[in-house]
Amino acid sequence: MGLDELHQSALRIHDLYDELNMRERGRVWTREEFMLGFMGDVGDLAKLILAEEGARTVRPDGQAALEHELADCLWSVLILAHRYGIDLESAFVRTMGDLEKAISARLDR
């Protein structure tokens, strides 16, 4: 699945969440609430990474939980990019190009 397909899948889930939130709460999440949700997912991911590295108690479903949290974080990034009108693919390519040049320049010193 390419980035465009991941994006389309993320948007379908986003729309379902909007529908569910409208039905249950009478409103949809704001961009700020999506960011807070992402921060929670990153915190959960951090705990799982610490467990994988031996700094926390390992969960019996560690690998599955790690996969789930990474997917949740990716979903949040895709949705935040959508909500802010960012072409994530172009931004990623540009940023990786800039980083490659910067790192290569430092290595060439």
N, C-alpha and C. Protein backbone atom coordinates (compact mmCIF):
# COMPACT_ATOMS: atom_id res chain seq x y z
N MET A 1 0.85 -1.17 0.00
CA MET A 1 0.00 0.00 0.00
C MET A 1 0.90 1.24 0.00
N GLY A 2 0.72 2.12 -0.97
CA GLY A 2 1.49 3.35 -1.05
C GLY A 2 0.92 4.44 -0.16
N LEU A 3 1.63 5.55 -0.13
CA LEU A 3 1.22 6.65 0.74
C LEU A 3 -0.17 7.16 0.39
N ASP A 4 -0.48 7.26 -0.91
CA ASP A 4 -1.80 7.74 -1.30
C ASP A 4 -2.90 6.81 -0.79
N GLU A 5 -2.66 5.50 -0.87
CA GLU A 5 -3.65 4.54 -0.37
C GLU A 5 -3.76 4.61 1.15
N LEU A 6 -2.64 4.78 1.83
CA LEU A 6 -2.67 4.95 3.28
C LEU A 6 -3.46 6.20 3.65
N HIS A 7 -3.24 7.26 2.90
CA HIS A 7 -3.95 8.52 3.13
C HIS A 7 -5.45 8.33 2.95
N GLN A 8 -5.85 7.66 1.89
CA GLN A 8 -7.28 7.44 1.64
C GLN A 8 -7.90 6.58 2.74
N SER A 9 -7.19 5.57 3.18
CA SER A 9 -7.67 4.72 4.28
C SER A 9 -7.81 5.53 5.56
N ALA A 10 -6.82 6.38 5.85
CA ALA A 10 -6.86 7.23 7.05
C ALA A 10 -8.05 8.18 6.99
N LEU A 11 -8.32 8.72 5.81
CA LEU A 11 -9.46 9.64 5.67
C LEU A 11 -10.79 8.93 5.88
N ARG A 12 -10.89 7.68 5.44
CA ARG A 12 -12.13 6.92 5.67
C ARG A 12 -12.37 6.74 7.17
N ILE A 13 -11.33 6.41 7.90
CA ILE A 13 -11.46 6.25 9.36
C ILE A 13 -11.76 7.60 10.01
N HIS A 14 -11.11 8.65 9.54
CA HIS A 14 -11.38 10.01 10.03
C HIS A 14 -12.85 10.35 9.87
N ASP A 15 -13.40 10.08 8.69
CA ASP A 15 -14.81 10.38 8.43
C ASP A 15 -15.74 9.56 9.32
N LEU A 16 -15.37 8.30 9.56
CA LEU A 16 -16.18 7.47 10.46
C LEU A 16 -16.14 8.02 11.89
N TYR A 17 -14.96 8.44 12.34
CA TYR A 17 -14.86 9.06 13.67
C TYR A 17 -15.70 10.34 13.73
N ASP A 18 -15.66 11.15 12.67
CA ASP A 18 -16.49 12.36 12.65
C ASP A 18 -17.96 12.00 12.80
N GLU A 19 -18.39 10.99 12.06
CA GLU A 19 -19.80 10.57 12.13
C GLU A 19 -20.15 10.07 13.53
N LEU A 20 -19.27 9.26 14.10
CA LEU A 20 -19.50 8.73 15.45
C LEU A 20 -19.53 9.85 16.48
N ASN A 21 -18.57 10.77 16.39
CA ASN A 21 -18.52 11.87 17.35
C ASN A 21 -19.73 12.79 17.22
N MET A 22 -20.18 13.03 16.00
CA MET A 22 -21.39 13.84 15.81
C MET A 22 -22.58 13.16 16.46
N ARG A 23 -22.71 11.86 16.28
CA ARG A 23 -23.83 11.12 16.84
C ARG A 23 -23.76 11.08 18.36
N GLU A 24 -22.57 10.83 18.91
CA GLU A 24 -22.44 10.64 20.36
C GLU A 24 -22.23 11.95 21.14
N ARG A 25 -21.59 12.96 20.50
CA ARG A 25 -21.24 14.17 21.23
C ARG A 25 -21.77 15.45 20.60
N GLY A 26 -22.31 15.33 19.40
CA GLY A 26 -22.85 16.50 18.72
C GLY A 26 -21.80 17.40 18.11
N ARG A 27 -20.56 16.93 18.00
CA ARG A 27 -19.49 17.70 17.39
C ARG A 27 -18.35 16.78 16.98
N VAL A 28 -17.49 17.29 16.12
CA VAL A 28 -16.31 16.52 15.70
C VAL A 28 -15.08 17.05 16.43
N TRP A 29 -14.00 16.29 16.37
CA TRP A 29 -12.76 16.70 17.00
C TRP A 29 -12.16 17.89 16.28
N THR A 30 -11.58 18.80 17.03
CA THR A 30 -10.84 19.92 16.46
C THR A 30 -9.43 19.45 16.11
N ARG A 31 -8.70 20.31 15.40
CA ARG A 31 -7.30 19.97 15.10
C ARG A 31 -6.50 19.83 16.38
N GLU A 32 -6.81 20.67 17.37
CA GLU A 32 -6.10 20.58 18.65
C GLU A 32 -6.37 19.24 19.33
N GLU A 33 -7.60 18.77 19.26
CA GLU A 33 -7.92 17.48 19.88
C GLU A 33 -7.24 16.32 19.16
N PHE A 34 -7.12 16.43 17.83
CA PHE A 34 -6.35 15.41 17.11
C PHE A 34 -4.90 15.42 17.56
N MET A 35 -4.33 16.61 17.77
CA MET A 35 -2.96 16.69 18.23
C MET A 35 -2.81 16.08 19.61
N LEU A 36 -3.75 16.34 20.50
CA LEU A 36 -3.70 15.75 21.84
C LEU A 36 -3.81 14.23 21.77
N GLY A 37 -4.67 13.73 20.89
CA GLY A 37 -4.78 12.29 20.70
C GLY A 37 -3.47 11.69 20.21
N PHE A 38 -2.82 12.39 19.28
CA PHE A 38 -1.53 11.95 18.76
C PHE A 38 -0.49 11.91 19.88
N MET A 39 -0.49 12.95 20.72
CA MET A 39 0.46 12.97 21.84
C MET A 39 0.24 11.78 22.77
N GLY A 40 -1.02 11.41 23.00
CA GLY A 40 -1.32 10.24 23.81
C GLY A 40 -0.80 8.97 23.17
N ASP A 41 -0.98 8.86 21.85
CA ASP A 41 -0.47 7.69 21.12
C ASP A 41 1.05 7.62 21.18
N VAL A 42 1.72 8.77 21.06
CA VAL A 42 3.18 8.80 21.14
C VAL A 42 3.64 8.38 22.54
N GLY A 43 2.91 8.80 23.56
CA GLY A 43 3.23 8.38 24.92
C GLY A 43 3.08 6.87 25.09
N ASP A 44 2.00 6.33 24.52
CA ASP A 44 1.81 4.87 24.57
C ASP A 44 2.93 4.16 23.82
N LEU A 45 3.32 4.71 22.68
CA LEU A 45 4.40 4.13 21.89
C LEU A 45 5.71 4.16 22.69
N ALA A 46 5.97 5.26 23.36
CA ALA A 46 7.19 5.38 24.16
C ALA A 46 7.24 4.30 25.24
N LYS A 47 6.12 4.05 25.91
CA LYS A 47 6.09 3.01 26.94
C LYS A 47 6.38 1.63 26.35
N LEU A 48 5.83 1.36 25.18
CA LEU A 48 6.08 0.07 24.52
C LEU A 48 7.53 -0.08 24.09
N ILE A 49 8.13 0.99 23.59
CA ILE A 49 9.54 0.96 23.21
C ILE A 49 10.41 0.72 24.43
N LEU A 50 10.09 1.41 25.54
CA LEU A 50 10.84 1.19 26.77
C LEU A 50 10.73 -0.25 27.24
N ALA A 51 9.56 -0.84 27.09
CA ALA A 51 9.38 -2.25 27.46
C ALA A 51 10.21 -3.15 26.55
N GLU A 52 10.19 -2.86 25.27
CA GLU A 52 10.98 -3.66 24.32
C GLU A 52 12.47 -3.59 24.63
N GLU A 53 12.90 -2.45 25.16
CA GLU A 53 14.32 -2.25 25.46
C GLU A 53 14.68 -2.63 26.89
N GLY A 54 13.71 -3.18 27.64
CA GLY A 54 13.99 -3.69 28.98
C GLY A 54 13.86 -2.69 30.10
N ALA A 55 13.40 -1.48 29.83
CA ALA A 55 13.29 -0.46 30.87
C ALA A 55 11.93 -0.45 31.56
N ARG A 56 10.98 -1.21 31.03
CA ARG A 56 9.64 -1.34 31.62
C ARG A 56 9.24 -2.80 31.52
N THR A 57 8.17 -3.13 32.21
CA THR A 57 7.65 -4.49 32.15
C THR A 57 7.11 -4.76 30.75
N VAL A 58 7.53 -5.90 30.20
CA VAL A 58 7.10 -6.29 28.85
C VAL A 58 5.67 -6.81 28.91
N ARG A 59 4.86 -6.36 27.96
CA ARG A 59 3.49 -6.87 27.84
C ARG A 59 3.51 -8.16 27.04
N PRO A 60 2.60 -9.07 27.36
CA PRO A 60 2.57 -10.33 26.60
C PRO A 60 2.23 -10.11 25.12
N ASP A 61 1.53 -9.04 24.82
CA ASP A 61 1.17 -8.73 23.43
C ASP A 61 2.07 -7.63 22.88
N GLY A 62 3.32 -7.58 23.35
CA GLY A 62 4.22 -6.47 23.05
C GLY A 62 4.36 -6.14 21.58
N GLN A 63 4.63 -7.13 20.74
CA GLN A 63 4.82 -6.87 19.32
C GLN A 63 3.53 -6.36 18.67
N ALA A 64 2.42 -6.99 18.99
CA ALA A 64 1.13 -6.56 18.43
C ALA A 64 0.78 -5.16 18.91
N ALA A 65 1.05 -4.86 20.18
CA ALA A 65 0.77 -3.53 20.72
C ALA A 65 1.67 -2.48 20.06
N LEU A 66 2.93 -2.84 19.84
CA LEU A 66 3.86 -1.93 19.17
C LEU A 66 3.39 -1.63 17.75
N GLU A 67 2.99 -2.65 17.03
CA GLU A 67 2.46 -2.47 15.67
C GLU A 67 1.24 -1.56 15.68
N HIS A 68 0.34 -1.80 16.63
CA HIS A 68 -0.88 -1.00 16.74
C HIS A 68 -0.56 0.47 16.99
N GLU A 69 0.32 0.75 17.94
CA GLU A 69 0.64 2.14 18.28
C GLU A 69 1.37 2.84 17.14
N LEU A 70 2.27 2.14 16.46
CA LEU A 70 2.93 2.76 15.31
C LEU A 70 1.90 3.11 14.24
N ALA A 71 0.94 2.20 14.01
CA ALA A 71 -0.12 2.47 13.02
C ALA A 71 -0.99 3.64 13.48
N ASP A 72 -1.32 3.71 14.77
CA ASP A 72 -2.10 4.84 15.30
C ASP A 72 -1.35 6.16 15.08
N CYS A 73 -0.05 6.15 15.35
CA CYS A 73 0.74 7.37 15.16
C CYS A 73 0.78 7.78 13.69
N LEU A 74 0.95 6.82 12.81
CA LEU A 74 0.95 7.13 11.38
C LEU A 74 -0.40 7.71 10.97
N TRP A 75 -1.49 7.12 11.46
CA TRP A 75 -2.83 7.64 11.17
C TRP A 75 -2.94 9.10 11.61
N SER A 76 -2.48 9.38 12.81
CA SER A 76 -2.57 10.75 13.32
C SER A 76 -1.75 11.72 12.46
N VAL A 77 -0.57 11.32 12.05
CA VAL A 77 0.26 12.18 11.20
C VAL A 77 -0.44 12.43 9.87
N LEU A 78 -1.00 11.40 9.28
CA LEU A 78 -1.72 11.55 8.01
C LEU A 78 -2.91 12.50 8.15
N ILE A 79 -3.65 12.35 9.25
CA ILE A 79 -4.83 13.20 9.46
C ILE A 79 -4.43 14.64 9.78
N LEU A 80 -3.40 14.83 10.58
CA LEU A 80 -2.95 16.19 10.87
C LEU A 80 -2.47 16.88 9.59
N ALA A 81 -1.75 16.15 8.75
CA ALA A 81 -1.32 16.73 7.47
C ALA A 81 -2.54 17.12 6.64
N HIS A 82 -3.55 16.26 6.61
CA HIS A 82 -4.77 16.57 5.88
C HIS A 82 -5.46 17.80 6.45
N ARG A 83 -5.59 17.83 7.77
CA ARG A 83 -6.30 18.93 8.43
C ARG A 83 -5.60 20.27 8.23
N TYR A 84 -4.27 20.25 8.02
CA TYR A 84 -3.52 21.48 7.81
C TYR A 84 -3.18 21.72 6.34
N GLY A 85 -3.74 20.90 5.44
CA GLY A 85 -3.54 21.09 4.01
C GLY A 85 -2.11 20.88 3.55
N ILE A 86 -1.42 19.93 4.18
CA ILE A 86 -0.02 19.66 3.84
C ILE A 86 0.06 18.44 2.94
N ASP A 87 0.77 18.59 1.83
CA ASP A 87 1.06 17.46 0.95
C ASP A 87 2.23 16.72 1.60
N LEU A 88 1.90 15.70 2.36
CA LEU A 88 2.90 15.01 3.18
C LEU A 88 3.97 14.34 2.33
N GLU A 89 3.59 13.80 1.20
CA GLU A 89 4.58 13.14 0.34
C GLU A 89 5.63 14.15 -0.13
N SER A 90 5.17 15.30 -0.62
CA SER A 90 6.11 16.33 -1.08
C SER A 90 6.96 16.84 0.07
N ALA A 91 6.33 17.08 1.22
CA ALA A 91 7.06 17.56 2.38
C ALA A 91 8.11 16.55 2.84
N PHE A 92 7.76 15.28 2.79
CA PHE A 92 8.70 14.23 3.20
C PHE A 92 9.89 14.19 2.25
N VAL A 93 9.62 14.17 0.95
CA VAL A 93 10.69 14.12 -0.04
C VAL A 93 11.61 15.32 0.11
N ARG A 94 11.03 16.51 0.25
CA ARG A 94 11.82 17.74 0.41
C ARG A 94 12.66 17.69 1.69
N THR A 95 12.04 17.29 2.78
CA THR A 95 12.74 17.25 4.06
C THR A 95 13.87 16.22 4.06
N MET A 96 13.62 15.05 3.49
CA MET A 96 14.67 14.03 3.43
C MET A 96 15.82 14.49 2.54
N GLY A 97 15.50 15.18 1.46
CA GLY A 97 16.55 15.74 0.60
C GLY A 97 17.39 16.76 1.34
N ASP A 98 16.73 17.64 2.08
CA ASP A 98 17.45 18.64 2.87
C ASP A 98 18.33 17.99 3.92
N LEU A 99 17.80 16.98 4.59
CA LEU A 99 18.58 16.28 5.62
C LEU A 99 19.77 15.55 5.02
N GLU A 100 19.55 14.92 3.88
CA GLU A 100 20.65 14.21 3.23
C GLU A 100 21.78 15.16 2.87
N LYS A 101 21.44 16.33 2.34
CA LYS A 101 22.46 17.33 2.00
C LYS A 101 23.18 17.82 3.23
N ALA A 102 22.42 18.13 4.29
CA ALA A 102 23.02 18.65 5.52
C ALA A 102 23.95 17.63 6.17
N ILE A 103 23.48 16.39 6.25
CA ILE A 103 24.29 15.35 6.89
C ILE A 103 25.52 15.04 6.05
N SER A 104 25.33 14.94 4.74
CA SER A 104 26.46 14.66 3.85
C SER A 104 27.51 15.76 3.93
N ALA A 105 27.07 17.02 4.01
CA ALA A 105 28.01 18.14 4.13
C ALA A 105 28.82 18.03 5.41
N ARG A 106 28.18 17.62 6.49
CA ARG A 106 28.91 17.47 7.76
C ARG A 106 29.87 16.30 7.70
N LEU A 107 29.49 15.23 7.01
CA LEU A 107 30.36 14.06 6.90
C LEU A 107 31.56 14.34 6.01
N ASP A 108 31.41 15.26 5.07
CA ASP A 108 32.48 15.58 4.12
C ASP A 108 33.53 16.52 4.72
N ARG A 109 33.27 17.05 5.90
CA ARG A 109 34.24 17.98 6.52
C ARG A 109 35.48 17.28 6.94
